[in-house]
PDB file of N, CA and C in Angstrom:
ATOM      1  N   UNK A   1       4.717 -17.763  -5.327  1.00  0.00           N
ATOM      2  CA  UNK A   1       4.487 -17.849  -6.767  1.00  0.00           C
ATOM      3  C   UNK A   1       3.275 -16.987  -7.128  1.00  0.00           C
ATOM      4  N   UNK A   2       3.374 -16.276  -8.213  1.00  0.00           N
ATOM      5  CA  UNK A   2       2.282 -15.405  -8.654  1.00  0.00           C
ATOM      6  C   UNK A   2       1.229 -16.196  -9.405  1.00  0.00           C
ATOM      7  N   UNK A   3       0.002 -15.738  -9.284  1.00  0.00           N
ATOM      8  CA  UNK A   3      -1.116 -16.390  -9.975  1.00  0.00           C
ATOM      9  C   UNK A   3      -1.045 -16.123 -11.471  1.00  0.00           C
ATOM     10  N   UNK A   4      -1.438 -17.099 -12.262  1.00  0.00           N
ATOM     11  CA  UNK A   4      -1.554 -16.933 -13.717  1.00  0.00           C
ATOM     12  C   UNK A   4      -2.943 -16.351 -13.976  1.00  0.00           C
ATOM     13  N   UNK A   5      -2.992 -15.059 -14.232  1.00  0.00           N
ATOM     14  CA  UNK A   5      -4.267 -14.352 -14.370  1.00  0.00           C
ATOM     15  C   UNK A   5      -5.100 -14.937 -15.510  1.00  0.00           C
ATOM     16  N   UNK A   6      -4.464 -15.248 -16.633  1.00  0.00           N
ATOM     17  CA  UNK A   6      -5.201 -15.809 -17.773  1.00  0.00           C
ATOM     18  C   UNK A   6      -5.899 -17.106 -17.378  1.00  0.00           C
ATOM     19  N   UNK A   7      -5.232 -17.939 -16.615  1.00  0.00           N
ATOM     20  CA  UNK A   7      -5.853 -19.204 -16.190  1.00  0.00           C
ATOM     21  C   UNK A   7      -6.994 -18.948 -15.209  1.00  0.00           C
ATOM     22  N   UNK A   8      -6.822 -17.950 -14.360  1.00  0.00           N
ATOM     23  CA  UNK A   8      -7.915 -17.609 -13.441  1.00  0.00           C
ATOM     24  C   UNK A   8      -9.136 -17.133 -14.212  1.00  0.00           C
ATOM     25  N   UNK A   9      -8.923 -16.294 -15.236  1.00  0.00           N
ATOM     26  CA  UNK A   9     -10.033 -15.800 -16.052  1.00  0.00           C
ATOM     27  C   UNK A   9     -10.678 -16.953 -16.818  1.00  0.00           C
ATOM     28  N   UNK A  10      -9.868 -17.848 -17.363  1.00  0.00           N
ATOM     29  CA  UNK A  10     -10.414 -19.010 -18.078  1.00  0.00           C
ATOM     30  C   UNK A  10     -11.296 -19.844 -17.158  1.00  0.00           C
ATOM     31  N   UNK A  11     -10.849 -20.037 -15.937  1.00  0.00           N
ATOM     32  CA  UNK A  11     -11.638 -20.793 -14.961  1.00  0.00           C
ATOM     33  C   UNK A  11     -12.937 -20.069 -14.637  1.00  0.00           C
ATOM     34  N   UNK A  12     -12.869 -18.746 -14.480  1.00  0.00           N
ATOM     35  CA  UNK A  12     -14.079 -17.964 -14.206  1.00  0.00           C
ATOM     36  C   UNK A  12     -15.076 -18.087 -15.361  1.00  0.00           C
ATOM     37  N   UNK A  13     -14.570 -18.034 -16.594  1.00  0.00           N
ATOM     38  CA  UNK A  13     -15.445 -18.149 -17.769  1.00  0.00           C
ATOM     39  C   UNK A  13     -16.127 -19.511 -17.776  1.00  0.00           C
ATOM     40  N   UNK A  14     -15.376 -20.553 -17.520  1.00  0.00           N
ATOM     41  CA  UNK A  14     -15.962 -21.899 -17.510  1.00  0.00           C
ATOM     42  C   UNK A  14     -17.016 -22.018 -16.414  1.00  0.00           C
ATOM     43  N   UNK A  15     -16.731 -21.458 -15.248  1.00  0.00           N
ATOM     44  CA  UNK A  15     -17.706 -21.503 -14.153  1.00  0.00           C
ATOM     45  C   UNK A  15     -18.984 -20.768 -14.533  1.00  0.00           C
ATOM     46  N   UNK A  16     -18.863 -19.589 -15.186  1.00  0.00           N
ATOM     47  CA  UNK A  16     -20.051 -18.840 -15.614  1.00  0.00           C
ATOM     48  C   UNK A  16     -20.837 -19.622 -16.663  1.00  0.00           C
ATOM     49  N   UNK A  17     -20.140 -20.291 -17.581  1.00  0.00           N
ATOM     50  CA  UNK A  17     -20.813 -21.093 -18.594  1.00  0.00           C
ATOM     51  C   UNK A  17     -21.600 -22.222 -17.931  1.00  0.00           C
ATOM     52  N   UNK A  18     -21.027 -22.816 -16.907  1.00  0.00           N
ATOM     53  CA  UNK A  18     -21.724 -23.890 -16.190  1.00  0.00           C
ATOM     54  C   UNK A  18     -22.951 -23.362 -15.452  1.00  0.00           C
ATOM     55  N   UNK A  19     -22.845 -22.191 -14.882  1.00  0.00           N
ATOM     56  CA  UNK A  19     -23.988 -21.573 -14.205  1.00  0.00           C
ATOM     57  C   UNK A  19     -25.117 -21.353 -15.211  1.00  0.00           C
ATOM     58  N   UNK A  20     -24.773 -20.799 -16.378  1.00  0.00           N
ATOM     59  CA  UNK A  20     -25.780 -20.580 -17.419  1.00  0.00           C
ATOM     60  C   UNK A  20     -26.406 -21.875 -17.896  1.00  0.00           C
ATOM     61  N   UNK A  21     -25.593 -22.896 -18.032  1.00  0.00           N
ATOM     62  CA  UNK A  21     -26.113 -24.195 -18.484  1.00  0.00           C
ATOM     63  C   UNK A  21     -27.081 -24.780 -17.459  1.00  0.00           C
ATOM     64  N   UNK A  22     -26.731 -24.662 -16.177  1.00  0.00           N
ATOM     65  CA  UNK A  22     -27.645 -25.159 -15.138  1.00  0.00           C
ATOM     66  C   UNK A  22     -28.936 -24.348 -15.123  1.00  0.00           C
ATOM     67  N   UNK A  23     -28.812 -23.033 -15.280  1.00  0.00           N
ATOM     68  CA  UNK A  23     -29.970 -22.153 -15.194  1.00  0.00           C
ATOM     69  C   UNK A  23     -30.887 -22.274 -16.408  1.00  0.00           C
ATOM     70  N   UNK A  24     -30.303 -22.335 -17.623  1.00  0.00           N
ATOM     71  CA  UNK A  24     -31.092 -22.296 -18.856  1.00  0.00           C
ATOM     72  C   UNK A  24     -31.126 -23.619 -19.621  1.00  0.00           C
ATOM     73  N   UNK A  25     -30.363 -24.612 -19.159  1.00  0.00           N
ATOM     74  CA  UNK A  25     -30.360 -25.914 -19.817  1.00  0.00           C
ATOM     75  C   UNK A  25     -29.381 -26.016 -20.980  1.00  0.00           C
ATOM     76  N   UNK A  26     -28.827 -24.905 -21.404  1.00  0.00           N
ATOM     77  CA  UNK A  26     -27.819 -24.886 -22.483  1.00  0.00           C
ATOM     78  C   UNK A  26     -26.830 -23.756 -22.193  1.00  0.00           C
ATOM     79  N   UNK A  27     -25.672 -23.865 -22.820  1.00  0.00           N
ATOM     80  CA  UNK A  27     -24.703 -22.771 -22.746  1.00  0.00           C
ATOM     81  C   UNK A  27     -25.145 -21.685 -23.709  1.00  0.00           C
ATOM     82  N   UNK A  28     -24.557 -20.526 -23.569  1.00  0.00           N
ATOM     83  CA  UNK A  28     -24.917 -19.395 -24.415  1.00  0.00           C
ATOM     84  C   UNK A  28     -24.752 -19.749 -25.889  1.00  0.00           C
ATOM     85  N   UNK A  29     -25.801 -19.500 -26.645  1.00  0.00           N
ATOM     86  CA  UNK A  29     -25.837 -19.837 -28.062  1.00  0.00           C
ATOM     87  C   UNK A  29     -26.087 -18.576 -28.888  1.00  0.00           C
ATOM     88  N   UNK A  30     -25.555 -18.542 -30.126  1.00  0.00           N
ATOM     89  CA  UNK A  30     -25.886 -17.420 -31.008  1.00  0.00           C
ATOM     90  C   UNK A  30     -27.335 -17.522 -31.461  1.00  0.00           C
ATOM     91  N   UNK A  31     -27.883 -16.409 -31.905  1.00  0.00           N
ATOM     92  CA  UNK A  31     -29.259 -16.381 -32.423  1.00  0.00           C
ATOM     93  C   UNK A  31     -30.259 -16.960 -31.424  1.00  0.00           C
ATOM     94  N   UNK A  32     -30.112 -16.544 -30.175  1.00  0.00           N
ATOM     95  CA  UNK A  32     -30.977 -17.078 -29.122  1.00  0.00           C
ATOM     96  C   UNK A  32     -32.179 -16.179 -28.841  1.00  0.00           C
ATOM     97  N   UNK A  33     -32.367 -15.166 -29.701  1.00  0.00           N
ATOM     98  CA  UNK A  33     -33.513 -14.279 -29.531  1.00  0.00           C
ATOM     99  C   UNK A  33     -33.241 -13.074 -28.645  1.00  0.00           C
ATOM    100  N   UNK A  34     -32.047 -12.994 -28.081  1.00  0.00           N
ATOM    101  CA  UNK A  34     -31.694 -11.861 -27.244  1.00  0.00           C
ATOM    102  C   UNK A  34     -30.750 -10.951 -28.018  1.00  0.00           C
ATOM    103  N   UNK A  35     -30.673  -9.710 -27.615  1.00  0.00           N
ATOM    104  CA  UNK A  35     -29.762  -8.757 -28.232  1.00  0.00           C
ATOM    105  C   UNK A  35     -28.497  -8.717 -27.375  1.00  0.00           C
ATOM    106  N   UNK A  36     -27.433  -9.320 -27.879  1.00  0.00           N
ATOM    107  CA  UNK A  36     -26.198  -9.443 -27.101  1.00  0.00           C
ATOM    108  C   UNK A  36     -25.613  -8.082 -26.740  1.00  0.00           C
ATOM    109  N   UNK A  37     -25.734  -7.098 -27.631  1.00  0.00           N
ATOM    110  CA  UNK A  37     -25.203  -5.768 -27.318  1.00  0.00           C
ATOM    111  C   UNK A  37     -25.970  -5.109 -26.181  1.00  0.00           C
ATOM    112  N   UNK A  38     -27.279  -5.234 -26.198  1.00  0.00           N
ATOM    113  CA  UNK A  38     -28.086  -4.666 -25.118  1.00  0.00           C
ATOM    114  C   UNK A  38     -27.773  -5.396 -23.812  1.00  0.00           C
ATOM    115  N   UNK A  39     -27.695  -6.718 -23.865  1.00  0.00           N
ATOM    116  CA  UNK A  39     -27.360  -7.486 -22.659  1.00  0.00           C
ATOM    117  C   UNK A  39     -26.004  -7.061 -22.106  1.00  0.00           C
ATOM    118  N   UNK A  40     -24.997  -6.944 -22.983  1.00  0.00           N
ATOM    119  CA  UNK A  40     -23.654  -6.561 -22.547  1.00  0.00           C
ATOM    120  C   UNK A  40     -23.660  -5.146 -21.977  1.00  0.00           C
ATOM    121  N   UNK A  41     -24.384  -4.241 -22.619  1.00  0.00           N
ATOM    122  CA  UNK A  41     -24.472  -2.864 -22.139  1.00  0.00           C
ATOM    123  C   UNK A  41     -25.093  -2.827 -20.741  1.00  0.00           C
ATOM    124  N   UNK A  42     -26.160  -3.569 -20.553  1.00  0.00           N
ATOM    125  CA  UNK A  42     -26.805  -3.606 -19.244  1.00  0.00           C
ATOM    126  C   UNK A  42     -25.871  -4.191 -18.188  1.00  0.00           C
ATOM    127  N   UNK A  43     -25.113  -5.210 -18.563  1.00  0.00           N
ATOM    128  CA  UNK A  43     -24.128  -5.781 -17.638  1.00  0.00           C
ATOM    129  C   UNK A  43     -23.047  -4.751 -17.303  1.00  0.00           C
ATOM    130  N   UNK A  44     -22.631  -3.965 -18.307  1.00  0.00           N
ATOM    131  CA  UNK A  44     -21.632  -2.925 -18.079  1.00  0.00           C
ATOM    132  C   UNK A  44     -22.170  -1.861 -17.128  1.00  0.00           C
ATOM    133  N   UNK A  45     -23.440  -1.524 -17.259  1.00  0.00           N
ATOM    134  CA  UNK A  45     -24.054  -0.571 -16.334  1.00  0.00           C
ATOM    135  C   UNK A  45     -24.067  -1.131 -14.912  1.00  0.00           C
ATOM    136  N   UNK A  46     -24.387  -2.421 -14.788  1.00  0.00           N
ATOM    137  CA  UNK A  46     -24.338  -3.062 -13.469  1.00  0.00           C
ATOM    138  C   UNK A  46     -22.925  -2.981 -12.906  1.00  0.00           C
ATOM    139  N   UNK A  47     -21.922  -3.236 -13.756  1.00  0.00           N
ATOM    140  CA  UNK A  47     -20.536  -3.144 -13.317  1.00  0.00           C
ATOM    141  C   UNK A  47     -20.232  -1.747 -12.805  1.00  0.00           C
ATOM    142  N   UNK A  48     -20.684  -0.726 -13.523  1.00  0.00           N
ATOM    143  CA  UNK A  48     -20.480   0.657 -13.082  1.00  0.00           C
ATOM    144  C   UNK A  48     -21.092   0.888 -11.711  1.00  0.00           C
ATOM    145  N   UNK A  49     -22.261   0.344 -11.491  1.00  0.00           N
ATOM    146  CA  UNK A  49     -22.924   0.502 -10.195  1.00  0.00           C
ATOM    147  C   UNK A  49     -22.095  -0.151  -9.085  1.00  0.00           C
ATOM    148  N   UNK A  50     -21.614  -1.367  -9.320  1.00  0.00           N
ATOM    149  CA  UNK A  50     -20.804  -2.060  -8.317  1.00  0.00           C
ATOM    150  C   UNK A  50     -19.497  -1.322  -8.055  1.00  0.00           C
ATOM    151  N   UNK A  51     -18.871  -0.804  -9.118  1.00  0.00           N
ATOM    152  CA  UNK A  51     -17.633  -0.053  -8.951  1.00  0.00           C
ATOM    153  C   UNK A  51     -17.864   1.209  -8.134  1.00  0.00           C
ATOM    154  N   UNK A  52     -18.948   1.928  -8.432  1.00  0.00           N
ATOM    155  CA  UNK A  52     -19.245   3.162  -7.696  1.00  0.00           C
ATOM    156  C   UNK A  52     -19.564   2.858  -6.241  1.00  0.00           C
ATOM    157  N   UNK A  53     -20.265   1.751  -6.004  1.00  0.00           N
ATOM    158  CA  UNK A  53     -20.547   1.336  -4.632  1.00  0.00           C
ATOM    159  C   UNK A  53     -19.244   1.100  -3.885  1.00  0.00           C
ATOM    160  N   UNK A  54     -18.311   0.382  -4.506  1.00  0.00           N
ATOM    161  CA  UNK A  54     -17.027   0.086  -3.861  1.00  0.00           C
ATOM    162  C   UNK A  54     -16.243   1.365  -3.589  1.00  0.00           C
ATOM    163  N   UNK A  55     -16.280   2.313  -4.531  1.00  0.00           N
ATOM    164  CA  UNK A  55     -15.591   3.586  -4.339  1.00  0.00           C
ATOM    165  C   UNK A  55     -16.188   4.327  -3.145  1.00  0.00           C
ATOM    166  N   UNK A  56     -17.512   4.375  -3.065  1.00  0.00           N
ATOM    167  CA  UNK A  56     -18.175   5.059  -1.955  1.00  0.00           C
ATOM    168  C   UNK A  56     -17.845   4.396  -0.626  1.00  0.00           C
ATOM    169  N   UNK A  57     -17.881   3.061  -0.606  1.00  0.00           N
ATOM    170  CA  UNK A  57     -17.597   2.347   0.633  1.00  0.00           C
ATOM    171  C   UNK A  57     -16.152   2.567   1.059  1.00  0.00           C
ATOM    172  N   UNK A  58     -15.228   2.571   0.090  1.00  0.00           N
ATOM    173  CA  UNK A  58     -13.830   2.809   0.417  1.00  0.00           C
ATOM    174  C   UNK A  58     -13.656   4.248   0.913  1.00  0.00           C
ATOM    175  N   UNK A  59     -14.329   5.181   0.258  1.00  0.00           N
ATOM    176  CA  UNK A  59     -14.236   6.588   0.670  1.00  0.00           C
ATOM    177  C   UNK A  59     -14.754   6.760   2.095  1.00  0.00           C
ATOM    178  N   UNK A  60     -15.852   6.118   2.423  1.00  0.00           N
ATOM    179  CA  UNK A  60     -16.398   6.201   3.781  1.00  0.00           C
ATOM    180  C   UNK A  60     -15.398   5.641   4.785  1.00  0.00           C
ATOM    181  N   UNK A  61     -14.749   4.540   4.433  1.00  0.00           N
ATOM    182  CA  UNK A  61     -13.763   3.926   5.321  1.00  0.00           C
ATOM    183  C   UNK A  61     -12.564   4.846   5.490  1.00  0.00           C
ATOM    184  N   UNK A  62     -12.114   5.451   4.391  1.00  0.00           N
ATOM    185  CA  UNK A  62     -10.982   6.375   4.468  1.00  0.00           C
ATOM    186  C   UNK A  62     -11.332   7.563   5.343  1.00  0.00           C
ATOM    187  N   UNK A  63     -12.524   8.127   5.162  1.00  0.00           N
ATOM    188  CA  UNK A  63     -12.948   9.263   5.979  1.00  0.00           C
ATOM    189  C   UNK A  63     -13.030   8.857   7.442  1.00  0.00           C
ATOM    190  N   UNK A  64     -13.613   7.691   7.707  1.00  0.00           N
ATOM    191  CA  UNK A  64     -13.715   7.222   9.088  1.00  0.00           C
ATOM    192  C   UNK A  64     -12.327   7.026   9.680  1.00  0.00           C
ATOM    193  N   UNK A  65     -11.419   6.409   8.925  1.00  0.00           N
ATOM    194  CA  UNK A  65     -10.065   6.171   9.423  1.00  0.00           C
ATOM    195  C   UNK A  65      -9.330   7.476   9.666  1.00  0.00           C
ATOM    196  N   UNK A  66      -9.519   8.461   8.780  1.00  0.00           N
ATOM    197  CA  UNK A  66      -8.887   9.765   8.973  1.00  0.00           C
ATOM    198  C   UNK A  66      -9.429  10.442  10.227  1.00  0.00           C
ATOM    199  N   UNK A  67     -10.751  10.330  10.417  1.00  0.00           N
ATOM    200  CA  UNK A  67     -11.380  10.934  11.591  1.00  0.00           C
ATOM    201  C   UNK A  67     -10.850  10.280  12.867  1.00  0.00           C
ATOM    202  N   UNK A  68     -10.747   8.964  12.860  1.00  0.00           N
ATOM    203  CA  UNK A  68     -10.231   8.236  14.030  1.00  0.00           C
ATOM    204  C   UNK A  68      -8.776   8.619  14.275  1.00  0.00           C
ATOM    205  N   UNK A  69      -7.994   8.677  13.179  1.00  0.00           N
ATOM    206  CA  UNK A  69      -6.586   9.040  13.316  1.00  0.00           C
ATOM    207  C   UNK A  69      -6.448  10.459  13.845  1.00  0.00           C
ATOM    208  N   UNK A  70      -7.310  11.367  13.397  1.00  0.00           N
ATOM    209  CA  UNK A  70      -7.260  12.763  13.843  1.00  0.00           C
ATOM    210  C   UNK A  70      -7.566  12.849  15.339  1.00  0.00           C
ATOM    211  N   UNK A  71      -8.532  12.031  15.803  1.00  0.00           N
ATOM    212  CA  UNK A  71      -8.880  12.045  17.221  1.00  0.00           C
ATOM    213  C   UNK A  71      -7.739  11.504  18.073  1.00  0.00           C
ATOM    214  N   UNK A  72      -7.018  10.513  17.555  1.00  0.00           N
ATOM    215  CA  UNK A  72      -5.938   9.881  18.309  1.00  0.00           C
ATOM    216  C   UNK A  72      -4.658  10.709  18.293  1.00  0.00           C
ATOM    217  N   UNK A  73      -4.556  11.645  17.368  1.00  0.00           N
ATOM    218  CA  UNK A  73      -3.365  12.466  17.219  1.00  0.00           C
ATOM    219  C   UNK A  73      -3.238  13.407  18.421  1.00  0.00           C
ATOM    220  N   UNK A  74      -2.069  13.414  19.047  1.00  0.00           N
ATOM    221  CA  UNK A  74      -1.902  14.343  20.166  1.00  0.00           C
ATOM    222  C   UNK A  74      -1.958  15.792  19.697  1.00  0.00           C
ATOM    223  N   UNK A  75      -2.519  16.659  20.508  1.00  0.00           N
ATOM    224  CA  UNK A  75      -2.619  18.071  20.144  1.00  0.00           C
ATOM    225  C   UNK A  75      -1.244  18.714  20.236  1.00  0.00           C
ATOM    226  N   UNK A  76      -1.011  19.605  19.282  1.00  0.00           N
ATOM    227  CA  UNK A  76       0.238  20.364  19.329  1.00  0.00           C
ATOM    228  C   UNK A  76       0.104  21.456  20.387  1.00  0.00           C
ATOM    229  N   UNK A  77       1.193  22.075  20.719  1.00  0.00           N
ATOM    230  CA  UNK A  77       1.158  23.158  21.719  1.00  0.00           C
ATOM    231  C   UNK A  77       0.317  24.321  21.221  1.00  0.00           C
ATOM    232  N   UNK A  78       0.330  24.541  19.920  1.00  0.00           N
ATOM    233  CA  UNK A  78      -0.447  25.637  19.346  1.00  0.00           C
ATOM    234  C   UNK A  78      -1.943  25.401  19.475  1.00  0.00           C
ATOM    235  N   UNK A  79      -2.370  24.110  19.446  1.00  0.00           N
ATOM    236  CA  UNK A  79      -3.797  23.779  19.522  1.00  0.00           C
ATOM    237  C   UNK A  79      -4.313  23.839  20.947  1.00  0.00           C
ATOM    238  N   UNK A  80      -3.409  23.762  21.921  1.00  0.00           N
ATOM    239  CA  UNK A  80      -3.836  23.725  23.339  1.00  0.00           C
ATOM    240  C   UNK A  80      -4.233  25.062  23.841  1.00  0.00           C
TER     241      UNK A  80
END
């Protein structure tokens, strides 16, 4: 059975709200003295950093796997 993505996201949102409530004593409120756009932008920048990290790590793994595969590949008669 496939996961219901909307329900997974709803659960994630509730978990994040609970984390904020434990950390700050209340859930996120409007007019809390913070600039929501700046906060969201900074979070988006963090997301970009994590995405780029994952891309680099995957690229390193692909390069390593290609290198290992190249070493394991038998030489053709032309290469000998």
